[in-house]
């Protein structure tokens, strides 16, 4: 997140070529290096050289580019899609879940099963005191186009 904010502020980003970092920003906004001291030194020198020769992306253009790649509504939508896939694709029953937990190890598996059981008991007790039928369900209200335009980042 910090590198996206730095790039959106018009800064030339220098980072190591590990994990998902190379996919976060386009090459013109980031200088990537190997995860070594010498690699970082070389990347920093390269970024400084680009700056001295004025071969960097204009800060306004960098901001526009990052803004087009990342906006909170789009990120929220993509995150929701992932959560929906996880939530609806595989929802194992408690015995199936316990079977999965038991593969986690001699001590960890039974511990996870115990936590699952205690959670179910807690939910049962909560339902005794406040039945689920007495809980109001939040309604999903659609956002009007005018309201959406006002809240667009």
C-alpha atoms as a PDB file:
ATOM      1  CA  UNK A   1       0.000   0.000   0.000  1.00  0.00           C
ATOM      2  CA  UNK A   2       2.830   2.388   0.829  1.00  0.00           C
ATOM      3  CA  UNK A   3       4.387   2.031  -2.606  1.00  0.00           C
ATOM      4  CA  UNK A   4       1.057   2.764  -4.293  1.00  0.00           C
ATOM      5  CA  UNK A   5       0.628   5.901  -2.180  1.00  0.00           C
ATOM      6  CA  UNK A   6       4.204   6.974  -2.898  1.00  0.00           C
ATOM      7  CA  UNK A   7       3.701   6.514  -6.637  1.00  0.00           C
ATOM      8  CA  UNK A   8       0.375   8.374  -6.473  1.00  0.00           C
ATOM      9  CA  UNK A   9       2.252  11.242  -4.833  1.00  0.00           C
ATOM     10  CA  UNK A  10       4.615  11.386  -7.783  1.00  0.00           C
ATOM     11  CA  UNK A  11       7.594   9.756  -6.104  1.00  0.00           C
ATOM     12  CA  UNK A  12       9.831   7.312  -7.936  1.00  0.00           C
ATOM     13  CA  UNK A  13       9.494   4.049  -6.036  1.00  0.00           C
ATOM     14  CA  UNK A  14      12.431   1.713  -5.463  1.00  0.00           C
ATOM     15  CA  UNK A  15      11.648  -1.768  -4.193  1.00  0.00           C
ATOM     16  CA  UNK A  16      12.865  -5.319  -4.283  1.00  0.00           C
ATOM     17  CA  UNK A  17      11.610  -7.816  -6.831  1.00  0.00           C
ATOM     18  CA  UNK A  18       9.915 -10.136  -4.331  1.00  0.00           C
ATOM     19  CA  UNK A  19       6.385 -11.384  -3.761  1.00  0.00           C
ATOM     20  CA  UNK A  20       3.742  -9.477  -5.652  1.00  0.00           C
ATOM     21  CA  UNK A  21       5.627  -6.175  -5.735  1.00  0.00           C
ATOM     22  CA  UNK A  22       6.389  -6.290  -9.492  1.00  0.00           C
ATOM     23  CA  UNK A  23       2.663  -6.534 -10.262  1.00  0.00           C
ATOM     24  CA  UNK A  24       1.642  -3.579  -8.100  1.00  0.00           C
ATOM     25  CA  UNK A  25       2.915  -0.729 -10.276  1.00  0.00           C
ATOM     26  CA  UNK A  26       3.842  -0.330 -13.936  1.00  0.00           C
ATOM     27  CA  UNK A  27       7.588  -0.266 -14.732  1.00  0.00           C
ATOM     28  CA  UNK A  28       7.668   3.480 -15.345  1.00  0.00           C
ATOM     29  CA  UNK A  29       6.658   4.151 -11.732  1.00  0.00           C
ATOM     30  CA  UNK A  30       8.936   1.687  -9.971  1.00  0.00           C
ATOM     31  CA  UNK A  31      12.565   0.652 -10.077  1.00  0.00           C
ATOM     32  CA  UNK A  32      12.927  -2.964  -9.040  1.00  0.00           C
ATOM     33  CA  UNK A  33      16.022  -4.612  -7.632  1.00  0.00           C
ATOM     34  CA  UNK A  34      17.155  -7.964  -6.411  1.00  0.00           C
ATOM     35  CA  UNK A  35      16.693  -8.374  -2.654  1.00  0.00           C
ATOM     36  CA  UNK A  36      20.337  -7.734  -1.860  1.00  0.00           C
ATOM     37  CA  UNK A  37      22.214  -4.719  -0.578  1.00  0.00           C
ATOM     38  CA  UNK A  38      24.106  -4.332  -3.843  1.00  0.00           C
ATOM     39  CA  UNK A  39      20.863  -4.710  -5.803  1.00  0.00           C
ATOM     40  CA  UNK A  40      19.162  -1.995  -3.769  1.00  0.00           C
ATOM     41  CA  UNK A  41      22.160   0.325  -4.111  1.00  0.00           C
ATOM     42  CA  UNK A  42      22.128  -0.155  -7.884  1.00  0.00           C
ATOM     43  CA  UNK A  43      18.366   0.468  -8.065  1.00  0.00           C
ATOM     44  CA  UNK A  44      18.648   3.606  -5.940  1.00  0.00           C
ATOM     45  CA  UNK A  45      21.476   4.891  -8.134  1.00  0.00           C
ATOM     46  CA  UNK A  46      19.362   4.162 -11.205  1.00  0.00           C
ATOM     47  CA  UNK A  47      16.378   6.046  -9.767  1.00  0.00           C
ATOM     48  CA  UNK A  48      18.590   9.002  -8.827  1.00  0.00           C
ATOM     49  CA  UNK A  49      20.089   8.995 -12.315  1.00  0.00           C
ATOM     50  CA  UNK A  50      16.613   9.040 -13.871  1.00  0.00           C
ATOM     51  CA  UNK A  51      15.702  11.958 -11.643  1.00  0.00           C
ATOM     52  CA  UNK A  52      18.835  13.910 -12.556  1.00  0.00           C
ATOM     53  CA  UNK A  53      18.200  13.357 -16.266  1.00  0.00           C
ATOM     54  CA  UNK A  54      14.525  14.277 -15.792  1.00  0.00           C
ATOM     55  CA  UNK A  55      13.411  10.940 -17.239  1.00  0.00           C
ATOM     56  CA  UNK A  56      10.757  10.306 -14.634  1.00  0.00           C
ATOM     57  CA  UNK A  57       6.989  10.378 -14.964  1.00  0.00           C
ATOM     58  CA  UNK A  58       5.405  13.727 -14.230  1.00  0.00           C
ATOM     59  CA  UNK A  59       3.872  13.603 -10.712  1.00  0.00           C
ATOM     60  CA  UNK A  60       0.446  14.602 -12.040  1.00  0.00           C
ATOM     61  CA  UNK A  61       0.566  11.859 -14.681  1.00  0.00           C
ATOM     62  CA  UNK A  62       1.752   9.362 -12.067  1.00  0.00           C
ATOM     63  CA  UNK A  63      -1.178  10.298  -9.855  1.00  0.00           C
ATOM     64  CA  UNK A  64      -3.621   9.929 -12.737  1.00  0.00           C
ATOM     65  CA  UNK A  65      -2.154   6.555 -13.686  1.00  0.00           C
ATOM     66  CA  UNK A  66      -2.289   5.190 -10.145  1.00  0.00           C
ATOM     67  CA  UNK A  67      -5.792   6.602  -9.661  1.00  0.00           C
ATOM     68  CA  UNK A  68      -6.959   4.802 -12.774  1.00  0.00           C
ATOM     69  CA  UNK A  69      -5.428   1.546 -11.529  1.00  0.00           C
ATOM     70  CA  UNK A  70      -6.597   1.756  -7.928  1.00  0.00           C
ATOM     71  CA  UNK A  71      -9.812   3.246  -6.679  1.00  0.00           C
ATOM     72  CA  UNK A  72     -11.562   2.149  -3.527  1.00  0.00           C
ATOM     73  CA  UNK A  73     -14.818   1.199  -5.197  1.00  0.00           C
ATOM     74  CA  UNK A  74     -13.006  -1.113  -7.607  1.00  0.00           C
ATOM     75  CA  UNK A  75     -10.865  -2.605  -4.844  1.00  0.00           C
ATOM     76  CA  UNK A  76     -13.959  -3.169  -2.696  1.00  0.00           C
ATOM     77  CA  UNK A  77     -15.765  -4.795  -5.621  1.00  0.00           C
ATOM     78  CA  UNK A  78     -12.833  -7.113  -6.379  1.00  0.00           C
ATOM     79  CA  UNK A  79     -12.433  -7.992  -2.700  1.00  0.00           C
ATOM     80  CA  UNK A  80     -16.129  -8.763  -2.444  1.00  0.00           C
ATOM     81  CA  UNK A  81     -15.894 -11.093  -5.448  1.00  0.00           C
ATOM     82  CA  UNK A  82     -13.061 -13.008  -3.778  1.00  0.00           C
ATOM     83  CA  UNK A  83     -14.940 -13.231  -0.475  1.00  0.00           C
ATOM     84  CA  UNK A  84     -18.076 -14.421  -2.247  1.00  0.00           C
ATOM     85  CA  UNK A  85     -16.121 -17.157  -4.020  1.00  0.00           C
ATOM     86  CA  UNK A  86     -14.582 -18.305  -0.758  1.00  0.00           C
ATOM     87  CA  UNK A  87     -17.874 -18.110   1.099  1.00  0.00           C
ATOM     88  CA  UNK A  88     -20.012 -19.931  -1.449  1.00  0.00           C
ATOM     89  CA  UNK A  89     -17.600 -22.360  -3.065  1.00  0.00           C
ATOM     90  CA  UNK A  90     -16.883 -24.527  -0.113  1.00  0.00           C
ATOM     91  CA  UNK A  91     -18.740 -24.392   3.160  1.00  0.00           C
ATOM     92  CA  UNK A  92     -17.913 -27.670   4.886  1.00  0.00           C
ATOM     93  CA  UNK A  93     -20.091 -29.152   7.582  1.00  0.00           C
ATOM     94  CA  UNK A  94     -18.709 -29.317  11.111  1.00  0.00           C
ATOM     95  CA  UNK A  95     -17.645 -32.981  10.811  1.00  0.00           C
ATOM     96  CA  UNK A  96     -15.895 -32.201   7.505  1.00  0.00           C
ATOM     97  CA  UNK A  97     -14.238 -29.180   9.078  1.00  0.00           C
ATOM     98  CA  UNK A  98     -13.065 -31.278  12.047  1.00  0.00           C
ATOM     99  CA  UNK A  99     -11.658 -33.861   9.660  1.00  0.00           C
ATOM    100  CA  UNK A 100      -9.670 -31.095   7.969  1.00  0.00           C
ATOM    101  CA  UNK A 101      -8.518 -29.753  11.342  1.00  0.00           C
ATOM    102  CA  UNK A 102      -7.269 -33.175  12.422  1.00  0.00           C
ATOM    103  CA  UNK A 103      -4.760 -33.073   9.555  1.00  0.00           C
ATOM    104  CA  UNK A 104      -3.106 -30.025  11.147  1.00  0.00           C
ATOM    105  CA  UNK A 105      -1.183 -32.085  13.650  1.00  0.00           C
ATOM    106  CA  UNK A 106      -1.285 -34.166  16.774  1.00  0.00           C
ATOM    107  CA  UNK A 107      -1.889 -31.219  19.118  1.00  0.00           C
ATOM    108  CA  UNK A 108      -3.165 -28.501  16.811  1.00  0.00           C
ATOM    109  CA  UNK A 109      -5.952 -30.515  15.182  1.00  0.00           C
ATOM    110  CA  UNK A 110      -7.753 -31.466  18.405  1.00  0.00           C
ATOM    111  CA  UNK A 111      -7.238 -27.928  19.725  1.00  0.00           C
ATOM    112  CA  UNK A 112      -8.924 -26.439  16.641  1.00  0.00           C
ATOM    113  CA  UNK A 113     -11.760 -28.966  16.987  1.00  0.00           C
ATOM    114  CA  UNK A 114     -12.180 -27.932  20.616  1.00  0.00           C
ATOM    115  CA  UNK A 115     -12.322 -24.259  19.636  1.00  0.00           C
ATOM    116  CA  UNK A 116     -14.906 -25.069  16.961  1.00  0.00           C
ATOM    117  CA  UNK A 117     -16.992 -26.976  19.498  1.00  0.00           C
ATOM    118  CA  UNK A 118     -16.760 -24.191  22.067  1.00  0.00           C
ATOM    119  CA  UNK A 119     -17.775 -21.685  19.411  1.00  0.00           C
ATOM    120  CA  UNK A 120     -20.835 -23.754  18.555  1.00  0.00           C
ATOM    121  CA  UNK A 121     -21.774 -23.998  22.257  1.00  0.00           C
ATOM    122  CA  UNK A 122     -21.368 -20.236  22.627  1.00  0.00           C
ATOM    123  CA  UNK A 123     -23.590 -19.630  19.595  1.00  0.00           C
ATOM    124  CA  UNK A 124     -26.196 -22.006  21.039  1.00  0.00           C
ATOM    125  CA  UNK A 125     -26.145 -20.116  24.354  1.00  0.00           C
ATOM    126  CA  UNK A 126     -26.434 -16.768  22.578  1.00  0.00           C
ATOM    127  CA  UNK A 127     -29.399 -18.106  20.640  1.00  0.00           C
ATOM    128  CA  UNK A 128     -31.050 -19.093  23.928  1.00  0.00           C
ATOM    129  CA  UNK A 129     -30.871 -15.543  25.262  1.00  0.00           C
ATOM    130  CA  UNK A 130     -31.488 -13.702  21.988  1.00  0.00           C
ATOM    131  CA  UNK A 131     -33.181 -15.954  19.435  1.00  0.00           C
ATOM    132  CA  UNK A 132     -32.090 -15.364  15.883  1.00  0.00           C
ATOM    133  CA  UNK A 133     -35.698 -14.638  14.941  1.00  0.00           C
ATOM    134  CA  UNK A 134     -35.572 -11.534  17.173  1.00  0.00           C
ATOM    135  CA  UNK A 135     -32.548 -10.047  15.399  1.00  0.00           C
ATOM    136  CA  UNK A 136     -33.277  -7.467  12.718  1.00  0.00           C
ATOM    137  CA  UNK A 137     -31.567  -8.144   9.422  1.00  0.00           C
ATOM    138  CA  UNK A 138     -29.810  -5.157   7.852  1.00  0.00           C
ATOM    139  CA  UNK A 139     -31.295  -4.287   4.489  1.00  0.00           C
ATOM    140  CA  UNK A 140     -28.986  -3.768   1.533  1.00  0.00           C
ATOM    141  CA  UNK A 141     -30.107  -0.408   0.148  1.00  0.00           C
ATOM    142  CA  UNK A 142     -29.050   0.416  -3.409  1.00  0.00           C
ATOM    143  CA  UNK A 143     -27.021   3.571  -3.872  1.00  0.00           C
ATOM    144  CA  UNK A 144     -28.487   6.085  -6.286  1.00  0.00           C
ATOM    145  CA  UNK A 145     -26.324   7.290  -9.174  1.00  0.00           C
ATOM    146  CA  UNK A 146     -26.284  10.825  -7.796  1.00  0.00           C
ATOM    147  CA  UNK A 147     -25.114   9.627  -4.378  1.00  0.00           C
ATOM    148  CA  UNK A 148     -22.481   7.392  -5.985  1.00  0.00           C
ATOM    149  CA  UNK A 149     -21.101  10.311  -8.018  1.00  0.00           C
ATOM    150  CA  UNK A 150     -20.732  12.428  -4.881  1.00  0.00           C
ATOM    151  CA  UNK A 151     -18.783   9.692  -3.081  1.00  0.00           C
ATOM    152  CA  UNK A 152     -16.495   8.676  -5.931  1.00  0.00           C
ATOM    153  CA  UNK A 153     -12.822   8.934  -5.066  1.00  0.00           C
END
